[in-house]
Full PDB file with SEQRES, HELIX, SHEET, SSBOND, CRYST1, ORIGX, SCALE, CONECT and MASTER records, all heavy atoms in Angstrom:
SEQRES   1 A   41  ALA MET ASP ARG HIS HIS GLU GLN LEU THR GLY VAL ARG          
SEQRES   2 A   41  GLU ALA PRO PRO ALA ARG ARG ARG LEU LEU ARG CYS VAL          
SEQRES   3 A   41  GLY VAL LEU LEU LEU ALA ALA ALA ALA VAL PRO CYS VAL          
SEQRES   4 A   41  TRP THR                                                      
HELIX    1 AA1 ASP A    3  THR A   10  1                                   8    
HELIX    2 AA2 PRO A   17  ALA A   33  1                                  17    
HELIX    3 AA3 ALA A   35  TRP A   40  1                                   6    
CRYST1    1.000    1.000    1.000  90.00  90.00  90.00 P 1           1          
ORIGX1      1.000000  0.000000  0.000000        0.00000                         
ORIGX2      0.000000  1.000000  0.000000        0.00000                         
ORIGX3      0.000000  0.000000  1.000000        0.00000                         
SCALE1      1.000000  0.000000  0.000000        0.00000                         
SCALE2      0.000000  1.000000  0.000000        0.00000                         
SCALE3      0.000000  0.000000  1.000000        0.00000                         
ATOM      1  N   ALA A   1      10.537  -3.434   2.792  1.00  0.00           N  
ATOM      2  CA  ALA A   1      11.446  -2.578   2.034  1.00  0.00           C  
ATOM      3  C   ALA A   1      12.911  -3.190   2.131  1.00  0.00           C  
ATOM      4  O   ALA A   1      13.753  -2.765   1.348  1.00  0.00           O  
ATOM      5  CB  ALA A   1      11.428  -1.128   2.571  1.00  0.00           C  
ATOM      6  N   MET A   2      13.080  -4.066   3.091  1.00  0.00           N  
ATOM      7  CA  MET A   2      14.406  -4.685   3.205  1.00  0.00           C  
ATOM      8  C   MET A   2      14.583  -5.855   2.202  1.00  0.00           C  
ATOM      9  O   MET A   2      13.652  -6.588   1.965  1.00  0.00           O  
ATOM     10  CB  MET A   2      14.607  -5.286   4.635  1.00  0.00           C  
ATOM     11  CG  MET A   2      14.522  -4.219   5.741  1.00  0.00           C  
ATOM     12  SD  MET A   2      14.486  -4.918   7.377  1.00  0.00           S  
ATOM     13  CE  MET A   2      15.997  -5.850   7.436  1.00  0.00           C  
ATOM     14  N   ASP A   3      15.756  -6.005   1.640  1.00  0.00           N  
ATOM     15  CA  ASP A   3      15.984  -7.034   0.598  1.00  0.00           C  
ATOM     16  C   ASP A   3      15.691  -8.443   1.098  1.00  0.00           C  
ATOM     17  O   ASP A   3      15.038  -9.210   0.316  1.00  0.00           O  
ATOM     18  CB  ASP A   3      17.406  -6.999   0.123  1.00  0.00           C  
ATOM     19  CG  ASP A   3      17.702  -5.762  -0.777  1.00  0.00           C  
ATOM     20  OD1 ASP A   3      16.709  -5.198  -1.374  1.00  0.00           O  
ATOM     21  OD2 ASP A   3      18.856  -5.347  -0.814  1.00  0.00           O  
ATOM     22  N   ARG A   4      15.986  -8.752   2.339  1.00  0.00           N  
ATOM     23  CA  ARG A   4      15.805 -10.073   2.841  1.00  0.00           C  
ATOM     24  C   ARG A   4      14.330 -10.419   2.816  1.00  0.00           C  
ATOM     25  O   ARG A   4      13.890 -11.508   2.403  1.00  0.00           O  
ATOM     26  CB  ARG A   4      16.418 -10.214   4.230  1.00  0.00           C  
ATOM     27  CG  ARG A   4      16.231 -11.529   4.901  1.00  0.00           C  
ATOM     28  CD  ARG A   4      16.809 -11.498   6.266  1.00  0.00           C  
ATOM     29  NE  ARG A   4      16.593 -12.816   6.877  1.00  0.00           N  
ATOM     30  CZ  ARG A   4      16.988 -13.077   8.090  1.00  0.00           C  
ATOM     31  NH1 ARG A   4      17.619 -12.205   8.810  1.00  0.00           N  
ATOM     32  NH2 ARG A   4      16.724 -14.225   8.604  1.00  0.00           N  
ATOM     33  N   HIS A   5      13.514  -9.528   3.415  1.00  0.00           N  
ATOM     34  CA  HIS A   5      12.119  -9.859   3.548  1.00  0.00           C  
ATOM     35  C   HIS A   5      11.379  -9.671   2.121  1.00  0.00           C  
ATOM     36  O   HIS A   5      10.402 -10.384   1.857  1.00  0.00           O  
ATOM     37  CB  HIS A   5      11.469  -8.951   4.538  1.00  0.00           C  
ATOM     38  CG  HIS A   5      12.039  -9.109   5.838  1.00  0.00           C  
ATOM     39  ND1 HIS A   5      12.020 -10.301   6.563  1.00  0.00           N  
ATOM     40  CD2 HIS A   5      12.735  -8.258   6.664  1.00  0.00           C  
ATOM     41  CE1 HIS A   5      12.669 -10.107   7.748  1.00  0.00           C  
ATOM     42  NE2 HIS A   5      13.117  -8.901   7.838  1.00  0.00           N  
ATOM     43  N   HIS A   6      11.849  -8.785   1.329  1.00  0.00           N  
ATOM     44  CA  HIS A   6      11.308  -8.647  -0.017  1.00  0.00           C  
ATOM     45  C   HIS A   6      11.511  -9.918  -0.821  1.00  0.00           C  
ATOM     46  O   HIS A   6      10.589 -10.391  -1.517  1.00  0.00           O  
ATOM     47  CB  HIS A   6      11.960  -7.452  -0.735  1.00  0.00           C  
ATOM     48  CG  HIS A   6      11.324  -7.117  -2.026  1.00  0.00           C  
ATOM     49  ND1 HIS A   6      11.708  -7.609  -3.175  1.00  0.00           N  
ATOM     50  CD2 HIS A   6      10.318  -6.287  -2.334  1.00  0.00           C  
ATOM     51  CE1 HIS A   6      11.015  -7.184  -4.201  1.00  0.00           C  
ATOM     52  NE2 HIS A   6      10.096  -6.328  -3.689  1.00  0.00           N  
ATOM     53  N   GLU A   7      12.696 -10.518  -0.671  1.00  0.00           N  
ATOM     54  CA  GLU A   7      12.974 -11.782  -1.364  1.00  0.00           C  
ATOM     55  C   GLU A   7      12.054 -12.908  -0.820  1.00  0.00           C  
ATOM     56  O   GLU A   7      11.586 -13.755  -1.614  1.00  0.00           O  
ATOM     57  CB  GLU A   7      14.424 -12.175  -1.186  1.00  0.00           C  
ATOM     58  CG  GLU A   7      14.811 -13.426  -1.943  1.00  0.00           C  
ATOM     59  CD  GLU A   7      16.249 -13.820  -1.836  1.00  0.00           C  
ATOM     60  OE1 GLU A   7      16.952 -13.170  -0.992  1.00  0.00           O  
ATOM     61  OE2 GLU A   7      16.677 -14.752  -2.487  1.00  0.00           O  
ATOM     62  N   GLN A   8      11.826 -12.911   0.486  1.00  0.00           N  
ATOM     63  CA  GLN A   8      11.015 -13.965   1.062  1.00  0.00           C  
ATOM     64  C   GLN A   8       9.514 -13.876   0.521  1.00  0.00           C  
ATOM     65  O   GLN A   8       8.919 -14.871   0.317  1.00  0.00           O  
ATOM     66  CB  GLN A   8      10.989 -13.928   2.561  1.00  0.00           C  
ATOM     67  CG  GLN A   8      12.300 -14.296   3.205  1.00  0.00           C  
ATOM     68  CD  GLN A   8      12.307 -14.040   4.717  1.00  0.00           C  
ATOM     69  OE1 GLN A   8      11.487 -13.267   5.161  1.00  0.00           O  
ATOM     70  NE2 GLN A   8      13.220 -14.682   5.395  1.00  0.00           N  
ATOM     71  N   LEU A   9       9.071 -12.635   0.257  1.00  0.00           N  
ATOM     72  CA  LEU A   9       7.666 -12.507  -0.130  1.00  0.00           C  
ATOM     73  C   LEU A   9       7.478 -12.605  -1.689  1.00  0.00           C  
ATOM     74  O   LEU A   9       6.503 -13.068  -2.087  1.00  0.00           O  
ATOM     75  CB  LEU A   9       7.169 -11.175   0.342  1.00  0.00           C  
ATOM     76  CG  LEU A   9       6.915 -11.019   1.808  1.00  0.00           C  
ATOM     77  CD1 LEU A   9       6.583  -9.635   2.177  1.00  0.00           C  
ATOM     78  CD2 LEU A   9       5.828 -11.963   2.248  1.00  0.00           C  
ATOM     79  N   THR A  10       8.490 -12.181  -2.432  1.00  0.00           N  
ATOM     80  CA  THR A  10       8.292 -12.071  -3.908  1.00  0.00           C  
ATOM     81  C   THR A  10       9.138 -12.996  -4.614  1.00  0.00           C  
ATOM     82  O   THR A  10       8.879 -13.292  -5.786  1.00  0.00           O  
ATOM     83  CB  THR A  10       8.560 -10.663  -4.362  1.00  0.00           C  
ATOM     84  OG1 THR A  10       9.986 -10.322  -4.190  1.00  0.00           O  
ATOM     85  CG2 THR A  10       7.650  -9.586  -3.754  1.00  0.00           C  
ATOM     86  N   GLY A  11      10.285 -13.496  -4.082  1.00  0.00           N  
ATOM     87  CA  GLY A  11      11.196 -14.371  -4.805  1.00  0.00           C  
ATOM     88  C   GLY A  11      12.209 -13.579  -5.541  1.00  0.00           C  
ATOM     89  O   GLY A  11      13.107 -14.145  -6.128  1.00  0.00           O  
ATOM     90  N   VAL A  12      12.059 -12.243  -5.637  1.00  0.00           N  
ATOM     91  CA  VAL A  12      13.008 -11.364  -6.308  1.00  0.00           C  
ATOM     92  C   VAL A  12      14.123 -11.000  -5.352  1.00  0.00           C  
ATOM     93  O   VAL A  12      13.880 -10.630  -4.231  1.00  0.00           O  
ATOM     94  CB  VAL A  12      12.328 -10.071  -6.850  1.00  0.00           C  
ATOM     95  CG1 VAL A  12      13.342  -9.144  -7.514  1.00  0.00           C  
ATOM     96  CG2 VAL A  12      11.140 -10.442  -7.769  1.00  0.00           C  
ATOM     97  N   ARG A  13      15.386 -11.194  -5.833  1.00  0.00           N  
ATOM     98  CA  ARG A  13      16.516 -10.974  -4.883  1.00  0.00           C  
ATOM     99  C   ARG A  13      16.585  -9.569  -4.242  1.00  0.00           C  
ATOM    100  O   ARG A  13      16.836  -9.467  -3.053  1.00  0.00           O  
ATOM    101  CB  ARG A  13      17.757 -11.331  -5.611  1.00  0.00           C  
ATOM    102  CG  ARG A  13      18.991 -11.483  -4.652  1.00  0.00           C  
ATOM    103  CD  ARG A  13      20.017 -12.302  -5.437  1.00  0.00           C  
ATOM    104  NE  ARG A  13      21.082 -12.896  -4.763  1.00  0.00           N  
ATOM    105  CZ  ARG A  13      20.998 -13.698  -3.676  1.00  0.00           C  
ATOM    106  NH1 ARG A  13      19.935 -13.883  -3.047  1.00  0.00           N  
ATOM    107  NH2 ARG A  13      22.132 -14.286  -3.232  1.00  0.00           N  
ATOM    108  N   GLU A  14      16.452  -8.569  -5.041  1.00  0.00           N  
ATOM    109  CA  GLU A  14      16.551  -7.172  -4.492  1.00  0.00           C  
ATOM    110  C   GLU A  14      15.319  -6.402  -4.956  1.00  0.00           C  
ATOM    111  O   GLU A  14      14.832  -6.544  -6.022  1.00  0.00           O  
ATOM    112  CB  GLU A  14      17.811  -6.490  -5.131  1.00  0.00           C  
ATOM    113  CG  GLU A  14      19.076  -7.005  -4.598  1.00  0.00           C  
ATOM    114  CD  GLU A  14      20.252  -6.118  -5.099  1.00  0.00           C  
ATOM    115  OE1 GLU A  14      20.035  -5.067  -5.621  1.00  0.00           O  
ATOM    116  OE2 GLU A  14      21.367  -6.626  -4.976  1.00  0.00           O  
ATOM    117  N   ALA A  15      14.852  -5.530  -4.014  1.00  0.00           N  
ATOM    118  CA  ALA A  15      13.759  -4.653  -4.320  1.00  0.00           C  
ATOM    119  C   ALA A  15      14.279  -3.481  -5.230  1.00  0.00           C  
ATOM    120  O   ALA A  15      15.360  -3.023  -4.909  1.00  0.00           O  
ATOM    121  CB  ALA A  15      13.154  -4.091  -3.027  1.00  0.00           C  
ATOM    122  N   PRO A  16      13.490  -3.079  -6.207  1.00  0.00           N  
ATOM    123  CA  PRO A  16      13.919  -1.963  -6.968  1.00  0.00           C  
ATOM    124  C   PRO A  16      14.021  -0.705  -6.043  1.00  0.00           C  
ATOM    125  O   PRO A  16      13.230  -0.555  -5.167  1.00  0.00           O  
ATOM    126  CB  PRO A  16      12.840  -1.780  -7.944  1.00  0.00           C  
ATOM    127  CG  PRO A  16      12.096  -3.073  -8.031  1.00  0.00           C  
ATOM    128  CD  PRO A  16      12.252  -3.688  -6.700  1.00  0.00           C  
ATOM    129  N   PRO A  17      14.956   0.203  -6.351  1.00  0.00           N  
ATOM    130  CA  PRO A  17      15.212   1.389  -5.428  1.00  0.00           C  
ATOM    131  C   PRO A  17      13.933   2.219  -5.314  1.00  0.00           C  
ATOM    132  O   PRO A  17      13.618   2.741  -4.199  1.00  0.00           O  
ATOM    133  CB  PRO A  17      16.260   2.147  -6.165  1.00  0.00           C  
ATOM    134  CG  PRO A  17      17.029   1.138  -6.917  1.00  0.00           C  
ATOM    135  CD  PRO A  17      16.003   0.099  -7.377  1.00  0.00           C  
ATOM    136  N   ALA A  18      13.185   2.339  -6.385  1.00  0.00           N  
ATOM    137  CA  ALA A  18      11.952   3.217  -6.327  1.00  0.00           C  
ATOM    138  C   ALA A  18      10.925   2.575  -5.349  1.00  0.00           C  
ATOM    139  O   ALA A  18      10.321   3.261  -4.560  1.00  0.00           O  
ATOM    140  CB  ALA A  18      11.352   3.420  -7.667  1.00  0.00           C  
ATOM    141  N   ARG A  19      10.773   1.273  -5.490  1.00  0.00           N  
ATOM    142  CA  ARG A  19       9.784   0.589  -4.562  1.00  0.00           C  
ATOM    143  C   ARG A  19      10.332   0.611  -3.141  1.00  0.00           C  
ATOM    144  O   ARG A  19       9.546   0.764  -2.196  1.00  0.00           O  
ATOM    145  CB  ARG A  19       9.646  -0.861  -5.036  1.00  0.00           C  
ATOM    146  CG  ARG A  19       8.627  -1.637  -4.089  1.00  0.00           C  
ATOM    147  CD  ARG A  19       8.497  -3.098  -4.542  1.00  0.00           C  
ATOM    148  NE  ARG A  19       7.960  -3.132  -5.879  1.00  0.00           N  
ATOM    149  CZ  ARG A  19       8.012  -4.244  -6.618  1.00  0.00           C  
ATOM    150  NH1 ARG A  19       8.473  -5.396  -6.122  1.00  0.00           N  
ATOM    151  NH2 ARG A  19       7.503  -4.185  -7.839  1.00  0.00           N  
ATOM    152  N   ARG A  20      11.573   0.466  -2.895  1.00  0.00           N  
ATOM    153  CA  ARG A  20      12.179   0.510  -1.565  1.00  0.00           C  
ATOM    154  C   ARG A  20      11.903   1.888  -0.967  1.00  0.00           C  
ATOM    155  O   ARG A  20      11.448   1.892   0.248  1.00  0.00           O  
ATOM    156  CB  ARG A  20      13.669   0.231  -1.627  1.00  0.00           C  
ATOM    157  CG  ARG A  20      14.269   0.021  -0.312  1.00  0.00           C  
ATOM    158  CD  ARG A  20      15.749  -0.214  -0.316  1.00  0.00           C  
ATOM    159  NE  ARG A  20      16.002  -1.469  -1.113  1.00  0.00           N  
ATOM    160  CZ  ARG A  20      16.929  -1.493  -2.041  1.00  0.00           C  
ATOM    161  NH1 ARG A  20      17.745  -0.554  -2.285  1.00  0.00           N  
ATOM    162  NH2 ARG A  20      17.118  -2.724  -2.717  1.00  0.00           N  
ATOM    163  N   ARG A  21      12.154   2.967  -1.695  1.00  0.00           N  
ATOM    164  CA  ARG A  21      11.810   4.249  -1.166  1.00  0.00           C  
ATOM    165  C   ARG A  21      10.345   4.463  -0.847  1.00  0.00           C  
ATOM    166  O   ARG A  21      10.006   5.068   0.171  1.00  0.00           O  
ATOM    167  CB  ARG A  21      12.310   5.353  -2.146  1.00  0.00           C  
ATOM    168  CG  ARG A  21      13.721   5.803  -1.877  1.00  0.00           C  
ATOM    169  CD  ARG A  21      14.130   6.931  -2.823  1.00  0.00           C  
ATOM    170  NE  ARG A  21      14.896   6.281  -3.889  1.00  0.00           N  
ATOM    171  CZ  ARG A  21      14.560   6.285  -5.184  1.00  0.00           C  
ATOM    172  NH1 ARG A  21      13.579   6.979  -5.634  1.00  0.00           N  
ATOM    173  NH2 ARG A  21      15.320   5.685  -6.081  1.00  0.00           N  
ATOM    174  N   LEU A  22       9.477   3.978  -1.728  1.00  0.00           N  
ATOM    175  CA  LEU A  22       8.062   4.140  -1.575  1.00  0.00           C  
ATOM    176  C   LEU A  22       7.614   3.370  -0.348  1.00  0.00           C  
ATOM    177  O   LEU A  22       6.832   3.891   0.528  1.00  0.00           O  
ATOM    178  CB  LEU A  22       7.274   3.601  -2.742  1.00  0.00           C  
ATOM    179  CG  LEU A  22       5.783   3.603  -2.601  1.00  0.00           C  
ATOM    180  CD1 LEU A  22       5.265   4.990  -2.553  1.00  0.00           C  
ATOM    181  CD2 LEU A  22       5.171   2.820  -3.753  1.00  0.00           C  
ATOM    182  N   LEU A  23       8.097   2.142  -0.143  1.00  0.00           N  
ATOM    183  CA  LEU A  23       7.717   1.370   1.068  1.00  0.00           C  
ATOM    184  C   LEU A  23       8.221   2.050   2.406  1.00  0.00           C  
ATOM    185  O   LEU A  23       7.548   1.976   3.377  1.00  0.00           O  
ATOM    186  CB  LEU A  23       8.258  -0.063   0.923  1.00  0.00           C  
ATOM    187  CG  LEU A  23       7.530  -0.945  -0.093  1.00  0.00           C  
ATOM    188  CD1 LEU A  23       8.307  -2.200  -0.379  1.00  0.00           C  
ATOM    189  CD2 LEU A  23       6.157  -1.239   0.439  1.00  0.00           C  
ATOM    190  N   ARG A  24       9.398   2.595   2.307  1.00  0.00           N  
ATOM    191  CA  ARG A  24       9.942   3.296   3.448  1.00  0.00           C  
ATOM    192  C   ARG A  24       9.024   4.438   3.853  1.00  0.00           C  
ATOM    193  O   ARG A  24       8.715   4.681   5.020  1.00  0.00           O  
ATOM    194  CB  ARG A  24      11.305   3.704   3.261  1.00  0.00           C  
ATOM    195  CG  ARG A  24      12.361   2.558   3.379  1.00  0.00           C  
ATOM    196  CD  ARG A  24      13.749   3.077   3.076  1.00  0.00           C  
ATOM    197  NE  ARG A  24      14.661   1.869   3.008  1.00  0.00           N  
ATOM    198  CZ  ARG A  24      15.907   1.981   2.546  1.00  0.00           C  
ATOM    199  NH1 ARG A  24      16.386   3.099   2.131  1.00  0.00           N  
ATOM    200  NH2 ARG A  24      16.640   0.912   2.588  1.00  0.00           N  
ATOM    201  N   CYS A  25       8.686   5.263   2.844  1.00  0.00           N  
ATOM    202  CA  CYS A  25       7.858   6.381   3.134  1.00  0.00           C  
ATOM    203  C   CYS A  25       6.495   5.998   3.657  1.00  0.00           C  
ATOM    204  O   CYS A  25       5.993   6.637   4.572  1.00  0.00           O  
ATOM    205  CB  CYS A  25       7.721   7.282   1.838  1.00  0.00           C  
ATOM    206  SG  CYS A  25       9.214   8.085   1.283  1.00  0.00           S  
ATOM    207  N   VAL A  26       5.894   5.018   2.999  1.00  0.00           N  
ATOM    208  CA  VAL A  26       4.590   4.546   3.485  1.00  0.00           C  
ATOM    209  C   VAL A  26       4.720   4.050   4.863  1.00  0.00           C  
ATOM    210  O   VAL A  26       3.812   4.290   5.699  1.00  0.00           O  
ATOM    211  CB  VAL A  26       4.051   3.469   2.485  1.00  0.00           C  
ATOM    212  CG1 VAL A  26       2.843   2.734   3.087  1.00  0.00           C  
ATOM    213  CG2 VAL A  26       3.661   4.067   1.153  1.00  0.00           C  
ATOM    214  N   GLY A  27       5.746   3.338   5.185  1.00  0.00           N  
ATOM    215  CA  GLY A  27       5.910   2.730   6.542  1.00  0.00           C  
ATOM    216  C   GLY A  27       6.027   3.841   7.604  1.00  0.00           C  
ATOM    217  O   GLY A  27       5.390   3.755   8.656  1.00  0.00           O  
ATOM    218  N   VAL A  28       6.798   4.866   7.301  1.00  0.00           N  
ATOM    219  CA  VAL A  28       6.996   5.973   8.229  1.00  0.00           C  
ATOM    220  C   VAL A  28       5.670   6.743   8.449  1.00  0.00           C  
ATOM    221  O   VAL A  28       5.294   7.086   9.565  1.00  0.00           O  
ATOM    222  CB  VAL A  28       8.049   6.892   7.735  1.00  0.00           C  
ATOM    223  CG1 VAL A  28       8.126   8.203   8.553  1.00  0.00           C  
ATOM    224  CG2 VAL A  28       9.452   6.236   7.871  1.00  0.00           C  
ATOM    225  N   LEU A  29       4.962   6.948   7.324  1.00  0.00           N  
ATOM    226  CA  LEU A  29       3.681   7.666   7.427  1.00  0.00           C  
ATOM    227  C   LEU A  29       2.632   6.824   8.223  1.00  0.00           C  
ATOM    228  O   LEU A  29       1.909   7.390   9.012  1.00  0.00           O  
ATOM    229  CB  LEU A  29       3.113   7.984   5.981  1.00  0.00           C  
ATOM    230  CG  LEU A  29       3.853   9.019   5.248  1.00  0.00           C  
ATOM    231  CD1 LEU A  29       3.329   9.147   3.840  1.00  0.00           C  
ATOM    232  CD2 LEU A  29       3.790  10.406   5.948  1.00  0.00           C  
ATOM    233  N   LEU A  30       2.623   5.452   8.083  1.00  0.00           N  
ATOM    234  CA  LEU A  30       1.722   4.703   8.732  1.00  0.00           C  
ATOM    235  C   LEU A  30       2.013   4.640  10.245  1.00  0.00           C  
ATOM    236  O   LEU A  30       1.132   4.713  11.148  1.00  0.00           O  
ATOM    237  CB  LEU A  30       1.670   3.267   8.205  1.00  0.00           C  
ATOM    238  CG  LEU A  30       0.890   3.101   6.941  1.00  0.00           C  
ATOM    239  CD1 LEU A  30       1.169   1.631   6.351  1.00  0.00           C  
ATOM    240  CD2 LEU A  30      -0.610   3.319   7.126  1.00  0.00           C  
ATOM    241  N   LEU A  31       3.324   4.644  10.519  1.00  0.00           N  
ATOM    242  CA  LEU A  31       3.726   4.663  12.026  1.00  0.00           C  
ATOM    243  C   LEU A  31       3.387   6.032  12.650  1.00  0.00           C  
ATOM    244  O   LEU A  31       2.963   6.146  13.786  1.00  0.00           O  
ATOM    245  CB  LEU A  31       5.213   4.410  12.155  1.00  0.00           C  
ATOM    246  CG  LEU A  31       5.632   2.980  11.909  1.00  0.00           C  
ATOM    247  CD1 LEU A  31       7.153   2.859  11.977  1.00  0.00           C  
ATOM    248  CD2 LEU A  31       4.963   2.039  12.967  1.00  0.00           C  
ATOM    249  N   ALA A  32       3.479   7.096  11.872  1.00  0.00           N  
ATOM    250  CA  ALA A  32       3.075   8.411  12.418  1.00  0.00           C  
ATOM    251  C   ALA A  32       1.603   8.524  12.561  1.00  0.00           C  
ATOM    252  O   ALA A  32       1.110   9.043  13.528  1.00  0.00           O  
ATOM    253  CB  ALA A  32       3.634   9.530  11.477  1.00  0.00           C  
ATOM    254  N   ALA A  33       0.917   7.927  11.584  1.00  0.00           N  
ATOM    255  CA  ALA A  33      -0.597   7.858  11.686  1.00  0.00           C  
ATOM    256  C   ALA A  33      -1.065   7.051  12.867  1.00  0.00           C  
ATOM    257  O   ALA A  33      -2.211   7.297  13.374  1.00  0.00           O  
ATOM    258  CB  ALA A  33      -1.177   7.447  10.384  1.00  0.00           C  
ATOM    259  N   ALA A  34      -0.313   6.114  13.266  1.00  0.00           N  
ATOM    260  CA  ALA A  34      -0.712   5.255  14.371  1.00  0.00           C  
ATOM    261  C   ALA A  34      -0.840   6.061  15.749  1.00  0.00           C  
ATOM    262  O   ALA A  34      -1.582   5.642  16.638  1.00  0.00           O  
ATOM    263  CB  ALA A  34       0.270   4.108  14.616  1.00  0.00           C  
ATOM    264  N   ALA A  35      -0.158   7.140  15.824  1.00  0.00           N  
ATOM    265  CA  ALA A  35      -0.191   7.991  17.039  1.00  0.00           C  
ATOM    266  C   ALA A  35      -1.488   8.814  17.110  1.00  0.00           C  
ATOM    267  O   ALA A  35      -1.921   9.231  18.192  1.00  0.00           O  
ATOM    268  CB  ALA A  35       0.996   8.851  17.190  1.00  0.00           C  
ATOM    269  N   VAL A  36      -2.058   9.102  15.964  1.00  0.00           N  
ATOM    270  CA  VAL A  36      -3.172  10.034  15.864  1.00  0.00           C  
ATOM    271  C   VAL A  36      -4.413   9.520  16.701  1.00  0.00           C  
ATOM    272  O   VAL A  36      -4.935  10.324  17.501  1.00  0.00           O  
ATOM    273  CB  VAL A  36      -3.574  10.330  14.420  1.00  0.00           C  
ATOM    274  CG1 VAL A  36      -4.886  11.128  14.276  1.00  0.00           C  
ATOM    275  CG2 VAL A  36      -2.461  11.042  13.706  1.00  0.00           C  
ATOM    276  N   PRO A  37      -4.885   8.305  16.514  1.00  0.00           N  
ATOM    277  CA  PRO A  37      -6.079   7.904  17.320  1.00  0.00           C  
ATOM    278  C   PRO A  37      -5.839   7.945  18.826  1.00  0.00           C  
ATOM    279  O   PRO A  37      -6.691   8.214  19.633  1.00  0.00           O  
ATOM    280  CB  PRO A  37      -6.321   6.477  16.848  1.00  0.00           C  
ATOM    281  CG  PRO A  37      -5.471   6.158  15.704  1.00  0.00           C  
ATOM    282  CD  PRO A  37      -4.483   7.191  15.578  1.00  0.00           C  
ATOM    283  N   CYS A  38      -4.533   7.622  19.243  1.00  0.00           N  
ATOM    284  CA  CYS A  38      -4.214   7.593  20.678  1.00  0.00           C  
ATOM    285  C   CYS A  38      -4.259   9.088  21.173  1.00  0.00           C  
ATOM    286  O   CYS A  38      -4.791   9.295  22.221  1.00  0.00           O  
ATOM    287  CB  CYS A  38      -2.883   7.014  20.877  1.00  0.00           C  
ATOM    288  SG  CYS A  38      -2.773   5.310  20.473  1.00  0.00           S  
ATOM    289  N   VAL A  39      -3.745  10.019  20.421  1.00  0.00           N  
ATOM    290  CA  VAL A  39      -3.720  11.410  20.884  1.00  0.00           C  
ATOM    291  C   VAL A  39      -5.099  11.961  20.896  1.00  0.00           C  
ATOM    292  O   VAL A  39      -5.496  12.679  21.795  1.00  0.00           O  
ATOM    293  CB  VAL A  39      -2.824  12.256  19.960  1.00  0.00           C  
ATOM    294  CG1 VAL A  39      -2.954  13.728  20.256  1.00  0.00           C  
ATOM    295  CG2 VAL A  39      -1.381  11.863  20.143  1.00  0.00           C  
ATOM    296  N   TRP A  40      -5.982  11.582  19.936  1.00  0.00           N  
ATOM    297  CA  TRP A  40      -7.360  11.978  19.925  1.00  0.00           C  
ATOM    298  C   TRP A  40      -8.116  11.473  21.096  1.00  0.00           C  
ATOM    299  O   TRP A  40      -8.905  12.182  21.714  1.00  0.00           O  
ATOM    300  CB  TRP A  40      -8.104  11.605  18.629  1.00  0.00           C  
ATOM    301  CG  TRP A  40      -7.930  12.390  17.471  1.00  0.00           C  
ATOM    302  CD1 TRP A  40      -7.349  13.643  17.400  1.00  0.00           C  
ATOM    303  CD2 TRP A  40      -8.220  12.055  16.155  1.00  0.00           C  
ATOM    304  NE1 TRP A  40      -7.395  14.044  16.129  1.00  0.00           N  
ATOM    305  CE2 TRP A  40      -7.866  13.137  15.359  1.00  0.00           C  
ATOM    306  CE3 TRP A  40      -8.690  10.907  15.539  1.00  0.00           C  
ATOM    307  CZ2 TRP A  40      -8.034  13.074  13.921  1.00  0.00           C  
ATOM    308  CZ3 TRP A  40      -8.796  10.888  14.187  1.00  0.00           C  
ATOM    309  CH2 TRP A  40      -8.479  11.970  13.365  1.00  0.00           C  
ATOM    310  N   THR A  41      -7.885  10.221  21.494  1.00  0.00           N  
ATOM    311  CA  THR A  41      -8.606   9.587  22.589  1.00  0.00           C  
ATOM    312  C   THR A  41      -8.104  10.041  23.982  1.00  0.00           C  
ATOM    313  O   THR A  41      -8.928  10.307  24.845  1.00  0.00           O  
ATOM    314  CB  THR A  41      -8.559   8.066  22.395  1.00  0.00           C  
ATOM    315  OG1 THR A  41      -9.050   7.765  21.160  1.00  0.00           O  
ATOM    316  CG2 THR A  41      -9.359   7.409  23.456  1.00  0.00           C  
TER     317      THR A  41                                                      
MASTER        0    0    0    3    0    0    0    6  316    1    0    4          
END                                                                             
């Protein structure tokens, strides 16, 4: 979601705002989901 890494992967200088928001939301949800298996176990 960061411009620097987005450019390294895609070659596009800036990530579109909608994609940036989507990637941030997905990232936060995946990090929250990472705690679930640990809490279950």
